[in-house]
Protein backbone atom coordinates (compact mmCIF):
# COMPACT_ATOMS: atom_id res chain seq x y z
CA TYR A 1 106.63 323.72 179.88
CA LEU A 2 103.66 324.53 182.34
CA ALA A 3 103.70 327.75 182.31
CA GLU A 4 102.17 329.84 179.38
CA ALA A 5 103.78 333.28 180.74
CA ILE A 6 106.39 334.12 183.96
CA THR A 7 106.05 338.45 183.77
CA PRO A 8 107.91 340.73 185.89
CA ASN A 9 107.05 344.19 187.05
CA ALA A 10 109.16 347.36 186.15
CA ASP A 11 111.57 346.66 188.97
CA PHE A 12 111.79 342.80 189.35
CA THR A 13 109.81 342.81 192.73
CA THR A 14 106.82 341.34 191.52
CA TRP A 15 106.40 338.26 189.03
CA THR A 16 103.26 336.93 187.52
CA ILE A 17 102.98 333.32 186.71
CA ARG A 18 100.12 331.56 184.21
CA VAL A 19 100.09 328.55 183.76
CA ARG A 20 98.87 326.59 180.95
CA PRO A 21 95.02 325.38 180.75
CA GLY A 22 94.37 321.76 180.62
CA VAL A 23 97.38 320.08 182.48
CA THR A 24 96.95 317.17 184.56
CA PHE A 25 98.81 315.63 187.24
CA HIS A 26 99.35 311.84 187.08
CA ASN A 27 96.67 311.17 189.72
CA GLY A 28 94.00 312.99 188.09
CA GLU A 29 94.54 316.33 190.12
CA PRO A 30 94.74 319.61 187.95
CA PHE A 31 97.71 321.92 187.86
CA ASP A 32 96.36 325.30 188.38
CA ALA A 33 96.84 328.61 190.34
CA ALA A 34 96.25 326.62 193.45
CA ALA A 35 98.85 323.44 192.78
CA LEU A 36 101.55 326.36 191.78
CA ARG A 37 101.06 328.25 195.10
CA LEU A 38 101.24 325.17 196.76
CA ASN A 39 104.40 324.16 195.26
CA LEU A 40 106.34 327.51 195.64
CA GLU A 41 105.14 328.05 199.55
CA THR A 42 106.59 324.85 200.26
CA ALA A 43 109.45 325.18 198.58
CA ARG A 44 110.17 328.58 200.34
CA THR A 45 109.28 327.49 203.44
CA ASN A 46 111.01 324.22 203.57
CA GLY A 47 115.02 323.08 204.17
CA LEU A 48 117.43 323.94 201.74
CA THR A 49 115.00 325.31 198.81
CA ALA A 50 114.02 327.88 200.89
CA GLN A 51 117.67 329.01 202.03
CA ALA A 52 117.70 329.33 197.67
CA LEU A 53 114.25 331.47 197.53
CA SER A 54 115.05 333.51 200.11
CA PHE A 55 114.09 336.57 198.12
CA ILE A 56 110.12 335.59 198.26
CA ALA A 57 108.33 337.24 200.21
CA SER A 58 104.89 335.70 199.68
CA THR A 59 102.70 334.22 197.37
CA ALA A 60 98.95 334.83 195.97
CA ILE A 61 96.39 333.39 193.66
CA VAL A 62 95.05 336.03 191.12
CA ASP A 63 92.61 333.53 189.31
CA ASP A 64 92.67 329.81 188.61
CA ARG A 65 95.53 329.91 186.49
CA THR A 66 97.66 332.66 187.64
CA VAL A 67 99.50 333.38 190.60
CA THR A 68 101.76 336.35 191.44
CA VAL A 69 105.28 336.38 193.48
CA SER A 70 106.16 339.23 195.25
CA MET A 71 110.17 339.77 196.53
CA THR A 72 112.04 341.30 199.23
CA ARG A 73 114.27 342.90 196.84
CA PRO A 74 114.55 342.64 192.95
CA TRP A 75 114.85 339.33 191.14
CA SER A 76 115.13 339.60 187.48
CA THR A 77 116.83 336.06 187.27
CA PHE A 78 113.74 334.72 189.67
CA ALA A 79 112.32 333.27 185.85
CA MET A 80 115.66 331.07 185.76
CA ALA A 81 115.47 329.71 189.18
CA LEU A 82 112.26 328.05 188.44
CA SER A 83 114.13 325.97 185.62
CA GLY A 84 115.78 324.33 188.67
CA GLN A 85 114.26 322.35 191.57
CA ALA A 86 112.14 325.01 193.06
CA GLY A 87 110.25 324.65 189.00
CA TYR A 88 109.48 320.96 189.35
CA MET A 89 105.93 320.78 190.17
CA ALA A 90 104.71 317.96 192.18
CA ALA A 91 101.36 317.24 192.92
CA PRO A 92 99.01 318.61 195.80
CA ALA A 93 98.71 314.51 196.90
CA MET A 94 102.44 314.05 197.07
CA LEU A 95 103.31 317.51 198.97
CA LYS A 96 100.39 316.64 201.65
CA ASP A 97 102.34 313.31 202.47
CA PRO A 98 106.15 313.66 201.89
CA GLN A 99 106.88 310.49 203.37
CA GLU A 100 104.27 308.79 200.67
CA GLY A 101 105.17 310.98 197.99
CA ALA A 102 109.07 310.31 198.13
CA ARG A 103 107.88 306.59 197.50
CA HIS A 104 105.49 307.32 195.05
CA PRO A 105 106.42 310.68 193.03
CA ILE A 106 103.62 312.16 191.49
CA GLY A 107 104.32 314.90 188.32
CA THR A 108 102.78 316.03 185.07
CA GLY A 109 105.67 314.71 182.76
CA PRO A 110 105.35 312.59 179.77
CA PHE A 111 106.19 309.25 181.92
CA VAL A 112 104.55 308.28 185.19
CA PHE A 113 106.09 306.51 188.04
CA GLN A 114 106.29 302.64 188.23
CA HIS A 115 109.00 301.38 189.99
CA TRP A 116 112.02 302.67 191.88
CA THR A 117 114.97 300.69 193.15
CA PRO A 118 117.24 302.99 195.05
CA ASP A 119 120.78 302.91 194.11
CA SER A 120 119.69 300.41 191.44
CA SER A 121 117.00 301.56 188.69
CA LEU A 122 113.68 303.89 188.08
CA ARG A 123 111.31 302.30 185.54
CA VAL A 124 108.48 305.15 184.34
CA THR A 125 105.65 304.66 181.71
CA LYS A 126 103.86 306.58 179.06
CA ASN A 127 101.64 308.98 180.33
CA ALA A 128 98.15 308.44 178.26
CA HIS A 129 96.89 311.72 179.31
CA TYR A 130 100.24 314.04 178.82
CA TRP A 131 99.02 316.95 177.10
CA GLN A 132 101.10 317.45 174.38
CA PRO A 133 99.45 315.52 171.99
CA GLY A 134 101.07 312.84 170.52
CA LEU A 135 104.08 312.74 172.90
CA PRO A 136 105.80 310.59 174.71
CA TYR A 137 106.75 308.09 171.73
CA LEU A 138 108.56 305.37 173.93
CA ASP A 139 106.58 303.22 176.11
CA GLY A 140 108.85 303.73 179.04
CA ILE A 141 111.93 304.27 179.80
CA GLU A 142 114.04 302.18 182.50
CA PHE A 143 116.74 303.79 184.22
CA LYS A 144 119.78 302.14 185.80
CA VAL A 145 122.20 303.42 188.28
CA LEU A 146 125.60 302.82 187.22
CA ALA A 147 127.96 304.95 189.43
CA ASP A 148 131.08 303.69 187.64
CA ALA A 149 131.86 305.67 183.95
CA THR A 150 133.62 302.34 182.89
CA SER A 151 130.33 300.30 184.10
CA ARG A 152 128.33 302.49 182.04
CA GLN A 153 130.52 302.70 178.60
CA ASN A 154 130.47 299.05 179.11
CA ALA A 155 126.85 299.06 179.28
CA LEU A 156 126.42 301.21 176.30
CA ASN A 157 128.92 298.96 174.33
CA GLY A 158 127.08 295.36 175.53
CA ARG A 159 123.60 297.01 174.44
CA SER A 160 122.52 296.39 177.65
CA VAL A 161 121.57 300.31 177.94
CA ASP A 162 120.70 302.70 174.78
CA ALA A 163 122.05 305.63 176.22
CA VAL A 164 124.79 307.12 179.31
CA GLU A 165 125.17 310.08 180.66
CA VAL A 166 129.37 311.39 180.54
CA ASN A 167 130.80 313.11 182.71
CA THR A 168 134.60 311.83 182.95
CA ALA A 169 137.30 313.03 180.55
CA GLN A 170 138.38 309.23 179.66
CA GLY A 171 134.47 308.80 178.91
CA LEU A 172 134.42 311.84 176.72
CA LEU A 173 137.14 311.07 174.71
CA ASP A 174 135.98 307.52 174.27
CA ALA A 175 132.73 309.43 173.17
CA GLN A 176 134.18 311.38 170.57
CA ALA A 177 135.72 308.24 169.20
CA ALA A 178 132.52 306.31 168.80
CA LEU A 179 131.01 309.13 167.16
CA ALA A 180 133.85 309.32 164.88
CA ASP A 181 133.53 305.96 163.45
CA GLY A 182 129.74 305.75 163.83
CA ARG A 183 129.58 303.61 167.10
CA SER A 184 127.48 305.93 168.75
CA GLN A 185 125.94 309.59 168.86
CA VAL A 186 126.63 312.39 171.19
CA ILE A 187 125.53 315.63 172.41
CA ASN A 188 127.67 317.32 174.23
CA THR A 189 128.03 320.93 176.07
CA VAL A 190 131.61 321.55 173.82
CA GLY A 191 131.71 325.28 173.35
CA ARG A 192 128.86 325.85 175.74
CA ASP A 193 129.17 328.05 179.13
CA SER A 194 129.88 325.45 181.83
CA ASP A 195 130.12 324.80 185.80
CA GLU A 196 133.30 324.34 187.48
CA THR A 197 135.20 321.21 189.12
CA ILE A 198 136.21 323.02 192.03
CA ILE A 199 137.83 321.77 195.82
CA ALA A 200 135.17 323.27 198.45
CA LEU A 201 137.42 324.27 201.82
CA ASN A 202 135.18 324.08 204.88
CA THR A 203 136.56 328.01 206.08
CA ALA A 204 134.34 327.08 209.77
CA THR A 205 137.28 324.42 210.48
CA GLU A 206 140.71 323.70 210.24
CA PRO A 207 143.07 324.24 208.56
CA PHE A 208 141.20 326.09 206.32
CA ASN A 209 139.53 328.65 208.91
CA ASP A 210 143.14 330.54 208.03
CA PRO A 211 143.41 331.80 204.82
CA ILE A 212 147.08 331.39 204.72
CA ALA A 213 146.10 327.56 204.56
CA ARG A 214 143.20 328.01 201.75
CA ARG A 215 146.17 330.82 199.88
CA ALA A 216 149.25 328.02 200.45
CA LEU A 217 147.02 325.23 198.72
CA ALA A 218 145.61 327.76 195.91
CA VAL A 219 148.92 328.38 195.04
CA GLY A 220 150.82 324.84 195.26
CA LEU A 221 148.10 323.30 192.81
CA ASP A 222 148.62 323.58 189.34
CA GLN A 223 145.37 323.60 187.13
CA THR A 224 147.30 323.49 183.62
CA ASP A 225 149.14 320.03 184.82
CA LEU A 226 146.34 318.90 186.78
CA ALA A 227 143.96 319.28 183.28
CA GLN A 228 146.54 317.44 181.43
CA ARG A 229 147.77 314.49 183.77
CA ALA A 230 144.28 313.81 185.51
CA TYR A 231 141.76 314.78 182.59
CA SER A 232 143.54 313.68 179.38
CA GLY A 233 143.17 317.31 177.65
CA ALA A 234 140.08 316.72 177.41
CA LEU A 235 138.53 319.40 180.29
CA PRO A 236 140.18 323.15 180.42
CA ALA A 237 142.30 324.55 183.49
CA ALA A 238 140.22 326.83 185.42
CA THR A 239 140.51 329.68 187.58
CA GLY A 240 137.46 331.03 187.47
CA PRO A 241 133.53 330.43 187.29
CA PHE A 242 133.70 331.41 183.50
CA ALA A 243 135.08 330.15 180.56
CA GLU A 244 137.40 331.55 177.82
CA GLY A 245 134.89 333.39 175.30
CA SER A 246 132.19 334.55 177.90
CA PRO A 247 130.95 337.93 178.28
CA ALA A 248 131.90 337.68 181.89
CA TYR A 249 135.31 336.17 181.71
CA LEU A 250 138.80 337.34 183.44
CA ALA A 251 141.61 335.62 183.04
CA GLY A 252 143.47 334.34 186.47
CA ALA A 253 145.70 337.22 186.34
CA ASP A 254 142.98 339.91 185.78
CA ALA A 255 141.09 338.65 188.41
CA GLY A 256 143.78 338.25 190.79
CA TYR A 257 143.50 334.55 191.23
CA PRO A 258 146.98 333.10 192.54
CA ALA A 259 149.09 331.85 190.21
CA HIS A 260 151.18 328.80 190.49
CA ASP A 261 154.14 329.05 192.47
CA VAL A 262 155.98 326.09 194.32
CA GLY A 263 158.40 328.50 195.94
CA GLU A 264 155.94 330.85 197.67
CA ALA A 265 153.70 327.66 198.34
CA ARG A 266 156.22 326.34 200.69
CA ARG A 267 156.86 329.38 201.99
CA LEU A 268 153.24 329.85 203.13
CA VAL A 269 153.36 326.65 204.32
CA ALA A 270 155.59 327.00 206.90
CA GLN A 271 154.18 330.33 207.72
CA TYR A 272 151.18 328.50 208.36
CA GLN A 273 153.13 325.51 210.50
CA SER A 274 154.99 328.68 212.69
CA ALA A 275 151.78 330.28 213.70
CA HIS A 276 149.82 326.75 214.52
CA GLY A 277 152.65 324.78 215.67
CA LYS A 278 151.74 322.04 213.50
CA PRO A 279 152.08 320.92 210.17
CA LEU A 280 149.52 321.83 207.31
CA LYS A 281 147.65 318.55 206.76
CA PHE A 282 144.08 317.50 205.86
CA SER A 283 141.39 315.16 204.41
CA ALA A 284 139.43 315.46 201.11
CA LEU A 285 136.36 313.68 199.78
CA LEU A 286 136.04 312.18 196.54
CA PRO A 287 133.16 310.64 194.86
CA PRO A 288 133.83 306.39 194.11
CA ASP A 289 134.29 306.66 190.83
CA PRO A 290 138.26 305.74 189.72
CA ALA A 291 138.18 308.19 187.39
CA PHE A 292 138.41 311.08 190.53
CA ALA A 293 140.51 308.92 192.28
CA VAL A 294 143.29 310.17 189.33
CA VAL A 295 141.88 313.43 189.96
CA GLY A 296 142.95 312.81 193.84
CA GLN A 297 146.10 311.06 193.74
CA THR A 298 147.46 313.94 191.11
CA LEU A 299 146.58 316.65 193.56
CA GLN A 300 147.72 315.01 196.63
CA ALA A 301 151.30 314.47 195.12
CA GLN A 302 151.09 318.54 193.95
CA ALA A 303 150.27 319.09 197.84
CA LYS A 304 153.02 316.52 198.85
CA ASP A 305 155.31 318.98 197.07
CA ILE A 306 154.90 321.63 198.53
CA GLY A 307 154.89 320.27 201.95
CA VAL A 308 151.17 319.84 202.68
CA GLU A 309 149.61 316.23 203.68
CA MET A 310 146.74 315.38 201.21
CA ASP A 311 144.61 312.80 203.17
CA LEU A 312 142.13 311.19 200.66
CA GLN A 313 138.73 309.63 202.07
CA THR A 314 136.14 308.05 198.97
CA VAL A 315 132.79 308.15 200.02
CA GLU A 316 129.73 307.39 198.34
CA GLN A 317 128.08 310.76 196.59
CA THR A 318 125.11 310.82 198.46
CA THR A 319 127.16 310.26 201.42
CA LEU A 320 129.72 313.29 200.13
CA ILE A 321 126.48 315.65 199.41
CA THR A 322 125.37 315.55 203.17
CA SER A 323 128.62 316.14 204.55
CA VAL A 324 129.73 319.22 202.31
CA LEU A 325 126.28 320.62 203.32
CA GLY A 326 126.65 319.69 206.67
CA GLY A 327 130.06 321.44 207.50
CA ASN A 328 131.40 317.70 208.36
CA TYR A 329 134.20 317.44 206.01
CA GLN A 330 137.73 319.79 205.77
CA ALA A 331 137.73 319.54 202.25
CA SER A 332 136.07 317.68 199.40
CA GLY A 333 136.00 317.70 195.63
CA PHE A 334 132.77 319.60 194.40
CA VAL A 335 130.95 321.74 191.32
CA LEU A 336 130.57 325.12 191.49
CA PHE A 337 127.01 326.47 189.38
CA SER A 338 127.59 328.68 187.25
CA THR A 339 125.21 328.52 183.90
CA PRO A 340 123.40 329.44 182.34
CA THR A 341 124.59 332.55 184.47
CA LEU A 342 126.53 333.16 187.94
CA ASP A 343 123.19 333.97 189.24
CA ARG A 344 122.53 330.01 189.90
CA ALA A 345 125.48 330.26 192.42
CA TYR A 346 123.88 332.99 194.44
CA PRO A 347 122.76 330.60 197.35
CA PHE A 348 125.77 329.10 197.36
CA ILE A 349 128.09 331.69 197.70
CA ALA A 350 125.86 334.98 198.75
CA THR A 351 123.88 333.67 201.27
CA LYS A 352 124.70 333.65 205.27
CA PRO A 353 125.96 330.36 206.30
CA ALA A 354 123.24 328.15 207.94
CA PHE A 355 123.18 326.14 210.97
CA GLY A 356 123.05 322.72 209.97
CA LEU A 357 122.69 321.94 206.30
CA SER A 358 123.43 325.02 204.17
CA LEU A 359 123.78 325.69 200.45
CA ASN A 360 126.62 328.10 201.29
CA PHE A 361 128.75 324.78 201.79
CA THR A 362 132.32 326.49 202.46
CA ARG A 363 130.82 328.33 205.05
CA ASN A 364 132.31 331.70 203.62
CA ASP A 365 130.26 335.14 204.69
CA ASN A 366 131.75 338.24 202.56
CA PRO A 367 129.43 341.12 202.15
CA ARG A 368 131.14 341.86 198.69
CA ILE A 369 129.99 339.26 196.92
CA THR A 370 126.76 339.75 198.00
CA ALA A 371 126.50 343.21 197.35
CA ALA A 372 127.35 342.16 193.61
CA MET A 373 124.90 339.40 193.49
CA ASP A 374 122.30 341.44 194.76
CA ALA A 375 123.40 344.18 192.44
CA ALA A 376 123.20 341.85 189.23
CA ARG A 377 119.62 340.64 190.04
CA ALA A 378 118.41 344.28 190.06
CA THR A 379 119.10 344.38 186.46
CA ASP A 380 118.21 342.51 183.52
CA ASP A 381 120.52 344.45 181.84
CA ARG A 382 123.09 341.42 180.74
CA ALA A 383 126.33 343.70 180.49
CA GLU A 384 125.80 345.29 183.97
CA GLN A 385 124.99 341.69 185.32
CA ASN A 386 128.46 340.69 184.01
CA ARG A 387 130.21 343.81 185.63
CA GLN A 388 129.08 342.80 189.02
CA TYR A 389 130.17 339.06 188.58
CA GLN A 390 133.67 339.75 187.90
CA ILE A 391 133.52 341.69 190.75
CA VAL A 392 132.62 338.53 192.11
CA GLN A 393 135.29 336.69 190.52
CA ARG A 394 137.85 339.03 191.93
CA GLU A 395 136.47 338.50 195.42
CA LEU A 396 136.26 334.69 195.07
CA ALA A 397 139.97 335.02 193.80
CA LEU A 398 140.81 336.57 197.25
CA ASP A 399 138.93 334.37 199.79
CA LEU A 400 140.27 331.69 198.07
CA ASP A 401 137.19 329.00 200.18
CA LYS A 402 137.13 327.52 196.76
CA ILE A 403 139.69 326.16 194.08
CA PHE A 404 138.84 326.11 190.73
CA LEU A 405 140.44 322.83 188.91
CA VAL A 406 138.61 322.57 185.56
CA HIS A 407 135.52 323.74 183.56
CA ASN A 408 133.23 320.65 183.19
CA ILE A 409 131.98 319.26 180.12
CA THR A 410 129.43 316.53 179.99
CA ALA A 411 127.84 314.39 176.69
CA ILE A 412 124.83 312.26 176.46
CA GLN A 413 126.19 308.91 174.36
CA SER A 414 123.92 306.90 172.84
CA ASP A 415 123.01 303.71 170.49
CA PRO A 416 122.69 304.76 166.68
CA ALA A 417 119.46 303.10 167.07
CA VAL A 418 118.01 305.83 169.97
CA ARG A 419 116.34 308.89 167.28
CA GLY A 420 115.06 311.95 168.73
CA ILE A 421 117.63 312.20 172.41
CA GLY A 422 117.96 315.76 171.56
CA SER A 423 115.49 316.86 169.43
CA ALA A 424 112.79 318.11 171.75
CA THR A 425 111.77 322.22 171.43
CA PHE A 426 110.12 323.98 174.24
CA PRO A 427 106.45 324.28 172.94
CA GLY A 428 105.53 326.54 170.27
CA THR A 429 109.01 327.14 169.76
CA THR A 430 112.46 325.56 167.86
CA THR A 431 114.37 325.93 170.88
CA PRO A 432 116.32 323.06 172.12
CA ALA A 433 114.92 321.86 174.96
CA TYR A 434 116.76 320.32 178.40
CA ALA A 435 115.59 319.62 181.88
CA GLY A 436 116.50 322.17 184.33
CA LEU A 437 120.21 323.77 183.92
CA SER A 438 122.06 321.42 182.64
CA VAL A 439 122.34 321.50 178.91
CA CYS A 440 123.15 317.73 178.42
CA THR A 441 119.80 316.69 180.77
CA PRO A 442 117.77 316.25 177.40
CA LEU A 443 113.94 315.95 177.78
CA LEU A 444 112.76 312.58 176.22
CA VAL A 445 109.45 313.33 174.95
CA SER A 446 110.86 313.32 171.39
CA ALA A 447 113.29 310.12 172.00
CA TRP A 448 112.27 306.66 170.00
CA LEU A 449 114.17 303.72 169.15
CA ARG A 450 114.66 302.98 165.22
CA PRO A 451 113.14 299.34 164.56
């Protein structure tokens, strides 16, 4: 949206970004080369984003609208990385005063920050100086935080909200039923590449610092049964980061992912107990939504069947994420980002585990995964990238620090009075536009309400 062009040199070691003219932040500051460079420098030198942007060596201003980004190694997918957090451009005033910036964010977008009540609601109003003439259509939006999927559905049915995010199996089934009888509109990710729900295993602490414990759990859990029982058949079972039909897809058997085998799982559990002199047991973190409790209970029963004690701990979403990234957990439900390509997962699977907060949340260090991911970044040949990603999939099937469960499907369900919620396109194109890398996070510049 904000760049006219993002162009690499021949070997992807230098990228040139040229920003659109006439774009201003909500406080009147210009979005120019200086603002772009400040954002990139802030991202590459601070906290978790520094881990994600470790390939960047330096940035430089060419003119008032152009910045060059120099890499330590080839990075053919750098432009894709800018569609995530690193590509959100904050006003210099916000970056220079992070504490105030956290309370009062300042961007360039179609809506201006008005009020935020943490864990409750966010209100934004129309940007009268938005750079795209005539947009947005709405005078404002109120985003309500309804963490429970049932509460979201009830709010939509009761007309207290106009649109909801749908990310549970029952929610997807309900949305499809509402679409069929005309009660709702739905946009979803059916038939597209998806991210995966996984069990993340902390390889830096007991019991999953022992590969035998990881393999016992992987062999003992049954994704197909889980998909039917806990996900009502709405989400397909997963044994790797690619759905069937993807050019990088490998069947579980071809990737070496262990097949479900209760007898083998019990043998591995006994082997672990013999080696450590204690039973195999662990605690697993889950978000508070009741839909995820059903998933946890199904997995708990499967684990019990192979002689493993799995204690379920329900924690608030922010606490769960902080615990996992901080390494303060044994196992947790989590998501592996693998769309639009597996390169999105680079900081989570191919970087060295960091002290303290680490995007490499399972603390697994496999140089073969890093080499394959680097090789994929060194080319823009999709066939070669997919070949490297298949190497990664085979290594993931050996390490088993991430136990794959299902391929995710998400949706936005809205009242029939809402129009244009999915019709925004990238400027100058007919390509549907979605925020970041999630294909169900629409940019609401084109949304409006029917009188």
